[in-house]
């Protein structure tokens, strides 16, 4: 301890910091909880065959609305949700208008970021859904790609709202930083909260950003996760075929296959 205090005292006079490393057992425990499970409903693809398309269970009947924070250059996923009979709600402060091929009356767009506070630039998920004037007990779908703010957003979201989302599709960022103890605390808190009400049913690594390997564990830096609410038809069996036949690379970079560390291996 004396040596550590002495080193920290020296480093305090410089711009150098020491990152505390997460215990490998903790990282592996979290990853294991995220191993995708099978469902009675087969997976379908919503959106294009590439970036902006996602796999989710064919369990869309009676979902009243899709909430999609984070507007990209492609809105094929949201268009497919509209064709499935859902109302659409989109949000993003960084664009003036979503690039969506639907009549204006078919969707609602707000020029705000989704986050953990309320001001002229940000709105919370709870406030956003409250403003939508939907049925109080209807099921919803959430597709989220908000550049790292997903962790803060889920920690801030009420469980009552989280339970309303039958399906949650999230692009999780900076997964290679799980070895940084401070980031791990944030990410694991958000993911453990999601796992209170939902189960992971699919993971697709985004090949835009490569893979990181630490302590013999390979992790895609960016990956798309699909969660299904626990009261739906989830089996006590694990998905074991990756990539799924409906998976497509997100970019033209080298293809990236989900590491075996991230799905269940039969013993």
Foldseek 3Di string as FASTA:
>chain_A
DVVVVVVVVVCVVDPDDDFQFDDPVVLLVLLAQQAAFDFPFDWDWFFDQAPPIDIDGPPLPQAAAEEEEDADQGDRNVVVNVVVPYQYEYEALVDPDHNDDDPPVRYHYDNEHEAQDDDPHYDAPVVSVVVVPDDPQTAHAYEYDRPARLLRRQLNDDVSVLLSHQKYKYKHAQPVCCRRVVVVVSNSSSSVSNSVFKHWNDKAAAPPQDWDADPNDIGRRIMMIMIGTPVHGTDPGGDDDPPDPSHHHNDPPDDDIDDPSNHDDDD
